[in-house]
C-alpha atoms as a PDB file:
ATOM      1  CA  UNK A   1       0.435  -0.297  -0.504  1.00  0.00           C
ATOM      2  CA  UNK A   2       1.287   3.685  -0.940  1.00  0.00           C
ATOM      3  CA  UNK A   3      -0.423   7.308  -0.036  1.00  0.00           C
ATOM      4  CA  UNK A   4      -0.264   8.952  -3.151  1.00  0.00           C
ATOM      5  CA  UNK A   5       0.210  12.522  -3.049  1.00  0.00           C
ATOM      6  CA  UNK A   6      -3.334  13.794  -2.794  1.00  0.00           C
ATOM      7  CA  UNK A   7      -2.771  11.706   0.976  1.00  0.00           C
ATOM      8  CA  UNK A   8      -4.764   9.006  -0.789  1.00  0.00           C
ATOM      9  CA  UNK A   9      -4.759   5.188  -0.603  1.00  0.00           C
ATOM     10  CA  UNK A  10      -2.742   3.696  -3.580  1.00  0.00           C
ATOM     11  CA  UNK A  11      -2.340  -0.279  -4.471  1.00  0.00           C
ATOM     12  CA  UNK A  12       0.366  -1.627  -4.873  1.00  0.00           C
ATOM     13  CA  UNK A  13       1.160  -3.603  -7.519  1.00  0.00           C
ATOM     14  CA  UNK A  14       0.877  -6.817  -6.721  1.00  0.00           C
ATOM     15  CA  UNK A  15      -2.602  -6.202  -4.863  1.00  0.00           C
ATOM     16  CA  UNK A  16      -4.035  -5.252  -8.484  1.00  0.00           C
ATOM     17  CA  UNK A  17      -2.559  -8.133  -9.811  1.00  0.00           C
ATOM     18  CA  UNK A  18      -4.694  -9.681  -6.852  1.00  0.00           C
ATOM     19  CA  UNK A  19      -8.316  -8.482  -6.903  1.00  0.00           C
ATOM     20  CA  UNK A  20      -7.038  -9.628 -11.129  1.00  0.00           C
ATOM     21  CA  UNK A  21      -6.801 -12.635 -10.067  1.00  0.00           C
ATOM     22  CA  UNK A  22      -9.841 -13.107  -7.828  1.00  0.00           C
ATOM     23  CA  UNK A  23     -12.078 -11.111 -10.610  1.00  0.00           C
ATOM     24  CA  UNK A  24     -11.115 -13.703 -13.384  1.00  0.00           C
ATOM     25  CA  UNK A  25     -12.068 -16.281 -11.081  1.00  0.00           C
ATOM     26  CA  UNK A  26     -15.390 -15.129 -10.602  1.00  0.00           C
ATOM     27  CA  UNK A  27     -16.422 -14.758 -14.415  1.00  0.00           C
ATOM     28  CA  UNK A  28     -15.610 -18.404 -15.640  1.00  0.00           C
ATOM     29  CA  UNK A  29     -17.129 -19.791 -12.139  1.00  0.00           C
ATOM     30  CA  UNK A  30     -20.073 -21.485 -13.171  1.00  0.00           C
ATOM     31  CA  UNK A  31     -21.303 -23.161 -10.445  1.00  0.00           C
ATOM     32  CA  UNK A  32     -23.359 -21.319  -7.665  1.00  0.00           C
ATOM     33  CA  UNK A  33     -21.497 -23.513  -4.838  1.00  0.00           C
ATOM     34  CA  UNK A  34     -17.664 -22.223  -5.681  1.00  0.00           C
ATOM     35  CA  UNK A  35     -19.116 -18.401  -5.646  1.00  0.00           C
ATOM     36  CA  UNK A  36     -20.816 -18.724  -2.499  1.00  0.00           C
ATOM     37  CA  UNK A  37     -16.948 -20.294  -1.144  1.00  0.00           C
ATOM     38  CA  UNK A  38     -14.755 -17.539  -3.222  1.00  0.00           C
ATOM     39  CA  UNK A  39     -17.316 -15.013  -1.756  1.00  0.00           C
ATOM     40  CA  UNK A  40     -17.313 -15.965   1.682  1.00  0.00           C
ATOM     41  CA  UNK A  41     -13.483 -16.072   0.954  1.00  0.00           C
ATOM     42  CA  UNK A  42     -13.495 -12.318   0.051  1.00  0.00           C
ATOM     43  CA  UNK A  43     -15.986 -11.829   3.035  1.00  0.00           C
ATOM     44  CA  UNK A  44     -13.563 -13.317   4.811  1.00  0.00           C
ATOM     45  CA  UNK A  45     -10.434 -11.675   4.127  1.00  0.00           C
ATOM     46  CA  UNK A  46     -12.210  -7.725   4.225  1.00  0.00           C
ATOM     47  CA  UNK A  47     -12.730  -8.264   8.132  1.00  0.00           C
ATOM     48  CA  UNK A  48      -9.180  -9.427   9.106  1.00  0.00           C
ATOM     49  CA  UNK A  49      -8.170  -6.619   6.949  1.00  0.00           C
ATOM     50  CA  UNK A  50     -10.596  -3.968   9.014  1.00  0.00           C
ATOM     51  CA  UNK A  51      -9.963  -5.735  11.855  1.00  0.00           C
ATOM     52  CA  UNK A  52      -5.513  -5.518  11.051  1.00  0.00           C
ATOM     53  CA  UNK A  53      -6.297  -2.416  10.149  1.00  0.00           C
ATOM     54  CA  UNK A  54      -8.197  -0.775  13.355  1.00  0.00           C
ATOM     55  CA  UNK A  55      -4.932  -3.049  15.356  1.00  0.00           C
ATOM     56  CA  UNK A  56      -2.639  -0.914  13.860  1.00  0.00           C
ATOM     57  CA  UNK A  57      -4.105   2.979  14.107  1.00  0.00           C
ATOM     58  CA  UNK A  58      -4.630   1.062  17.734  1.00  0.00           C
ATOM     59  CA  UNK A  59      -1.612   0.811  18.350  1.00  0.00           C
ATOM     60  CA  UNK A  60       0.199   3.996  16.470  1.00  0.00           C
ATOM     61  CA  UNK A  61      -1.915   6.474  18.764  1.00  0.00           C
ATOM     62  CA  UNK A  62      -0.050   8.855  21.042  1.00  0.00           C
ATOM     63  CA  UNK A  63       0.922   7.588  24.323  1.00  0.00           C
ATOM     64  CA  UNK A  64      -1.022  10.882  27.040  1.00  0.00           C
ATOM     65  CA  UNK A  65       0.766  12.540  27.922  1.00  0.00           C
ATOM     66  CA  UNK A  66       0.159  14.771  31.192  1.00  0.00           C
ATOM     67  CA  UNK A  67       0.334  18.202  31.438  1.00  0.00           C
ATOM     68  CA  UNK A  68       2.508  19.841  34.171  1.00  0.00           C
ATOM     69  CA  UNK A  69       0.359  21.898  36.707  1.00  0.00           C
END
């Protein structure tokens, strides 16, 4: 992942490649059970990524510094 000049998140080449792989798998799948399995995998990956992002953001929170007074 990269951050662009305007602050937006840019996908890496590898991430674009993975997206294309899933897109092709979805486009070529005729079996409904296989589509359901792919949908479950995508949902699991999405939720795992959300949890990981949340965890990282919490780790990077600067510690509270009490002001002297």
